[in-house]
Amino acid sequence: MGVEVRIVLTDEHEDDEGRWTDREYESLARFGLGDLNVDQTELLTWWIDVTMNDLRATLPKMAEYGGVDGQEGSADLIVMGDAQAELMGHHDMPSAWKQALACWFYLLGKVARMVSNFKRRDWPKQDTVHDARVYLMMIERLAAKGRWP
């Protein structure tokens, strides 16, 4: 059994001659999974649904943590990353590392909130869990591309 996931994003942009046209970005992933049983197929379907919902919800984070003044990275991530690197005595840490460090710091706050929920015998709120996944994806992006977004 194999799986193919195709995502096409379309946006309007102005071309060199001032005309508005559609531009497409396509991502295609194919991977073999061998023979899946019913439970595994359901898990795969659930995972893809969660991932697509995360992507949809991450778009506002792209704006919130987007670049500032033509600079790669966000002011929040840069300031917090600089502060964390300073505390560690690593002033010369690359910018992407500092921004990832800031994401790890924010993630730690989310984990602390989850632990507090469990201490009160309450399940963590879905937005807290989602935010944790978003920070992890931001870290993955910084590791893969050396920048956010």
C-alpha atoms as a PDB file:
ATOM      1  CA  MET A   1       0.000   0.000   0.000  1.00  0.00           C
ATOM      2  CA  GLY A   2       1.209   3.491  -0.741  1.00  0.00           C
ATOM      3  CA  VAL A   3       0.042   6.974   0.099  1.00  0.00           C
ATOM      4  CA  GLU A   4       0.149  10.092  -2.023  1.00  0.00           C
ATOM      5  CA  VAL A   5      -0.460  13.491  -0.464  1.00  0.00           C
ATOM      6  CA  ARG A   6      -0.729  16.433  -2.841  1.00  0.00           C
ATOM      7  CA  ILE A   7      -1.103  19.993  -1.611  1.00  0.00           C
ATOM      8  CA  VAL A   8      -1.574  22.882  -4.015  1.00  0.00           C
ATOM      9  CA  LEU A   9      -1.544  26.444  -2.730  1.00  0.00           C
ATOM     10  CA  THR A  10      -2.720  29.202  -5.041  1.00  0.00           C
ATOM     11  CA  ASP A  11      -2.306  32.913  -4.569  1.00  0.00           C
ATOM     12  CA  GLU A  12      -2.653  36.016  -6.693  1.00  0.00           C
ATOM     13  CA  HIS A  13       0.373  38.122  -7.454  1.00  0.00           C
ATOM     14  CA  GLU A  14       1.267  40.964  -9.748  1.00  0.00           C
ATOM     15  CA  ASP A  15       3.627  39.977 -12.564  1.00  0.00           C
ATOM     16  CA  ASP A  16       6.407  42.133 -14.032  1.00  0.00           C
ATOM     17  CA  GLU A  17       3.935  43.814 -16.394  1.00  0.00           C
ATOM     18  CA  GLY A  18       1.425  44.757 -13.703  1.00  0.00           C
ATOM     19  CA  ARG A  19      -1.074  41.977 -14.455  1.00  0.00           C
ATOM     20  CA  TRP A  20      -2.630  39.929 -11.676  1.00  0.00           C
ATOM     21  CA  THR A  21      -2.188  36.217 -12.172  1.00  0.00           C
ATOM     22  CA  ASP A  22      -2.511  33.056 -10.121  1.00  0.00           C
ATOM     23  CA  ARG A  23       0.633  31.376  -8.919  1.00  0.00           C
ATOM     24  CA  GLU A  24       0.663  27.784  -7.698  1.00  0.00           C
ATOM     25  CA  TYR A  25       2.917  26.079  -5.225  1.00  0.00           C
ATOM     26  CA  GLU A  26       2.673  22.330  -5.232  1.00  0.00           C
ATOM     27  CA  SER A  27       4.024  19.793  -2.817  1.00  0.00           C
ATOM     28  CA  LEU A  28       3.758  16.095  -3.495  1.00  0.00           C
ATOM     29  CA  ALA A  29       4.746  13.381  -1.103  1.00  0.00           C
ATOM     30  CA  ARG A  30       4.601   9.696  -1.919  1.00  0.00           C
ATOM     31  CA  PHE A  31       5.595   6.990   0.445  1.00  0.00           C
ATOM     32  CA  GLY A  32       5.116   3.281   0.681  1.00  0.00           C
ATOM     33  CA  LEU A  33       3.619   1.864   3.810  1.00  0.00           C
ATOM     34  CA  GLY A  34       3.459  -1.837   3.139  1.00  0.00           C
ATOM     35  CA  ASP A  35       0.248  -3.581   4.116  1.00  0.00           C
ATOM     36  CA  LEU A  36      -1.723  -1.584   6.660  1.00  0.00           C
ATOM     37  CA  ASN A  37      -4.458  -3.011   8.802  1.00  0.00           C
ATOM     38  CA  VAL A  38      -7.678  -1.124   9.533  1.00  0.00           C
ATOM     39  CA  ASP A  39      -6.360   0.450  12.755  1.00  0.00           C
ATOM     40  CA  GLN A  40      -3.229   1.705  11.008  1.00  0.00           C
ATOM     41  CA  THR A  41      -5.254   3.142   8.126  1.00  0.00           C
ATOM     42  CA  GLU A  42      -7.479   4.983  10.596  1.00  0.00           C
ATOM     43  CA  LEU A  43      -4.394   6.304  12.414  1.00  0.00           C
ATOM     44  CA  LEU A  44      -2.866   7.504   9.137  1.00  0.00           C
ATOM     45  CA  THR A  45      -6.088   9.261   8.139  1.00  0.00           C
ATOM     46  CA  TRP A  46      -6.351  10.903  11.562  1.00  0.00           C
ATOM     47  CA  TRP A  47      -2.711  12.010  11.420  1.00  0.00           C
ATOM     48  CA  ILE A  48      -3.152  13.619   7.996  1.00  0.00           C
ATOM     49  CA  ASP A  49      -6.308  15.415   9.211  1.00  0.00           C
ATOM     50  CA  VAL A  50      -4.499  16.763  12.294  1.00  0.00           C
ATOM     51  CA  THR A  51      -1.562  17.861  10.148  1.00  0.00           C
ATOM     52  CA  MET A  52      -3.821  19.711   7.701  1.00  0.00           C
ATOM     53  CA  ASN A  53      -5.659  21.437  10.579  1.00  0.00           C
ATOM     54  CA  ASP A  54      -2.304  22.390  12.105  1.00  0.00           C
ATOM     55  CA  LEU A  55      -1.184  23.845   8.789  1.00  0.00           C
ATOM     56  CA  ARG A  56      -4.359  25.911   8.556  1.00  0.00           C
ATOM     57  CA  ALA A  57      -3.926  27.160  12.116  1.00  0.00           C
ATOM     58  CA  THR A  58      -0.204  27.816  11.647  1.00  0.00           C
ATOM     59  CA  LEU A  59      -0.789  30.439   8.973  1.00  0.00           C
ATOM     60  CA  PRO A  60      -1.692  33.117  11.555  1.00  0.00           C
ATOM     61  CA  LYS A  61       1.529  32.196  13.416  1.00  0.00           C
ATOM     62  CA  MET A  62       3.420  32.897  10.202  1.00  0.00           C
ATOM     63  CA  ALA A  63       2.052  36.421  10.297  1.00  0.00           C
ATOM     64  CA  GLU A  64       2.559  36.775  14.055  1.00  0.00           C
ATOM     65  CA  TYR A  65       6.128  35.458  13.922  1.00  0.00           C
ATOM     66  CA  GLY A  66       6.928  36.597  10.391  1.00  0.00           C
ATOM     67  CA  GLY A  67       9.928  38.629   9.338  1.00  0.00           C
ATOM     68  CA  VAL A  68      10.256  42.240  10.408  1.00  0.00           C
ATOM     69  CA  ASP A  69      11.703  45.091   8.357  1.00  0.00           C
ATOM     70  CA  GLY A  70      12.915  42.725   5.649  1.00  0.00           C
ATOM     71  CA  GLN A  71      14.757  40.679   8.261  1.00  0.00           C
ATOM     72  CA  GLU A  72      14.401  36.934   8.500  1.00  0.00           C
ATOM     73  CA  GLY A  73      12.774  35.977  11.764  1.00  0.00           C
ATOM     74  CA  SER A  74      10.449  37.771  14.107  1.00  0.00           C
ATOM     75  CA  ALA A  75      11.244  40.467  16.614  1.00  0.00           C
ATOM     76  CA  ASP A  76       9.884  38.250  19.414  1.00  0.00           C
ATOM     77  CA  LEU A  77      11.969  35.243  18.428  1.00  0.00           C
ATOM     78  CA  ILE A  78      15.086  37.346  17.886  1.00  0.00           C
ATOM     79  CA  VAL A  79      14.791  39.212  21.207  1.00  0.00           C
ATOM     80  CA  MET A  80      14.012  36.067  23.216  1.00  0.00           C
ATOM     81  CA  GLY A  81      16.674  34.068  21.365  1.00  0.00           C
ATOM     82  CA  ASP A  82      19.287  36.756  22.014  1.00  0.00           C
ATOM     83  CA  ALA A  83      18.366  36.802  25.711  1.00  0.00           C
ATOM     84  CA  GLN A  84      18.570  32.999  26.011  1.00  0.00           C
ATOM     85  CA  ALA A  85      21.896  32.852  24.158  1.00  0.00           C
ATOM     86  CA  GLU A  86      23.232  35.614  26.421  1.00  0.00           C
ATOM     87  CA  LEU A  87      22.245  33.634  29.504  1.00  0.00           C
ATOM     88  CA  MET A  88      24.193  30.684  28.103  1.00  0.00           C
ATOM     89  CA  GLY A  89      27.208  32.801  27.264  1.00  0.00           C
ATOM     90  CA  HIS A  90      26.862  32.055  23.530  1.00  0.00           C
ATOM     91  CA  HIS A  91      26.792  35.543  21.995  1.00  0.00           C
ATOM     92  CA  ASP A  92      27.990  34.258  18.623  1.00  0.00           C
ATOM     93  CA  MET A  93      25.222  31.668  18.179  1.00  0.00           C
ATOM     94  CA  PRO A  94      23.699  31.776  14.647  1.00  0.00           C
ATOM     95  CA  SER A  95      20.409  33.656  14.369  1.00  0.00           C
ATOM     96  CA  ALA A  96      18.418  30.536  13.393  1.00  0.00           C
ATOM     97  CA  TRP A  97      19.722  28.761  16.492  1.00  0.00           C
ATOM     98  CA  LYS A  98      18.702  31.676  18.696  1.00  0.00           C
ATOM     99  CA  GLN A  99      15.218  31.713  17.176  1.00  0.00           C
ATOM    100  CA  ALA A 100      14.929  27.942  17.682  1.00  0.00           C
ATOM    101  CA  LEU A 101      16.075  28.426  21.265  1.00  0.00           C
ATOM    102  CA  ALA A 102      13.261  30.949  21.727  1.00  0.00           C
ATOM    103  CA  CYS A 103      10.765  28.418  20.344  1.00  0.00           C
ATOM    104  CA  TRP A 104      12.095  25.772  22.753  1.00  0.00           C
ATOM    105  CA  PHE A 105      11.673  28.284  25.587  1.00  0.00           C
ATOM    106  CA  TYR A 106       8.067  28.984  24.561  1.00  0.00           C
ATOM    107  CA  LEU A 107       7.479  25.233  24.210  1.00  0.00           C
ATOM    108  CA  LEU A 108       8.758  24.712  27.734  1.00  0.00           C
ATOM    109  CA  GLY A 109       6.051  27.121  28.899  1.00  0.00           C
ATOM    110  CA  LYS A 110       3.420  25.066  27.075  1.00  0.00           C
ATOM    111  CA  VAL A 111       4.704  21.847  28.657  1.00  0.00           C
ATOM    112  CA  ALA A 112       4.634  23.491  32.098  1.00  0.00           C
ATOM    113  CA  ARG A 113       1.008  24.461  31.488  1.00  0.00           C
ATOM    114  CA  MET A 114       0.177  20.870  30.474  1.00  0.00           C
ATOM    115  CA  VAL A 115       1.843  19.466  33.589  1.00  0.00           C
ATOM    116  CA  SER A 116      -0.116  21.937  35.696  1.00  0.00           C
ATOM    117  CA  ASN A 117      -3.333  20.751  34.035  1.00  0.00           C
ATOM    118  CA  PHE A 118      -2.547  17.139  34.902  1.00  0.00           C
ATOM    119  CA  LYS A 119      -1.693  18.118  38.471  1.00  0.00           C
ATOM    120  CA  ARG A 120      -5.222  19.536  38.745  1.00  0.00           C
ATOM    121  CA  ARG A 121      -6.530  16.303  37.152  1.00  0.00           C
ATOM    122  CA  ASP A 122      -7.605  18.214  34.078  1.00  0.00           C
ATOM    123  CA  TRP A 123      -6.764  17.389  30.465  1.00  0.00           C
ATOM    124  CA  PRO A 124      -4.657  20.112  28.762  1.00  0.00           C
ATOM    125  CA  LYS A 125      -6.642  22.418  26.523  1.00  0.00           C
ATOM    126  CA  GLN A 126      -6.465  21.675  22.804  1.00  0.00           C
ATOM    127  CA  ASP A 127      -5.033  25.094  21.964  1.00  0.00           C
ATOM    128  CA  THR A 128      -2.109  24.430  24.328  1.00  0.00           C
ATOM    129  CA  VAL A 129      -1.389  21.116  22.610  1.00  0.00           C
ATOM    130  CA  HIS A 130      -1.742  22.760  19.207  1.00  0.00           C
ATOM    131  CA  ASP A 131       0.596  25.611  20.137  1.00  0.00           C
ATOM    132  CA  ALA A 132       3.199  23.052  21.239  1.00  0.00           C
ATOM    133  CA  ARG A 133       3.005  21.368  17.821  1.00  0.00           C
ATOM    134  CA  VAL A 134       3.298  24.742  16.077  1.00  0.00           C
ATOM    135  CA  TYR A 135       6.453  25.609  18.028  1.00  0.00           C
ATOM    136  CA  LEU A 136       7.898  22.205  17.128  1.00  0.00           C
ATOM    137  CA  MET A 137       7.157  22.832  13.442  1.00  0.00           C
ATOM    138  CA  MET A 138       8.782  26.254  13.685  1.00  0.00           C
ATOM    139  CA  ILE A 139      11.861  24.553  15.147  1.00  0.00           C
ATOM    140  CA  GLU A 140      11.800  22.002  12.309  1.00  0.00           C
ATOM    141  CA  ARG A 141      11.614  24.842   9.767  1.00  0.00           C
ATOM    142  CA  LEU A 142      14.508  26.690  11.389  1.00  0.00           C
ATOM    143  CA  ALA A 143      16.576  23.481  11.359  1.00  0.00           C
ATOM    144  CA  ALA A 144      15.723  22.652   7.754  1.00  0.00           C
ATOM    145  CA  LYS A 145      15.931  26.127   6.182  1.00  0.00           C
ATOM    146  CA  GLY A 146      17.912  28.165   8.696  1.00  0.00           C
ATOM    147  CA  ARG A 147      15.156  30.776   8.859  1.00  0.00           C
ATOM    148  CA  TRP A 148      11.565  31.481   9.842  1.00  0.00           C
ATOM    149  CA  PRO A 149       9.296  31.551   7.954  1.00  0.00           C
END
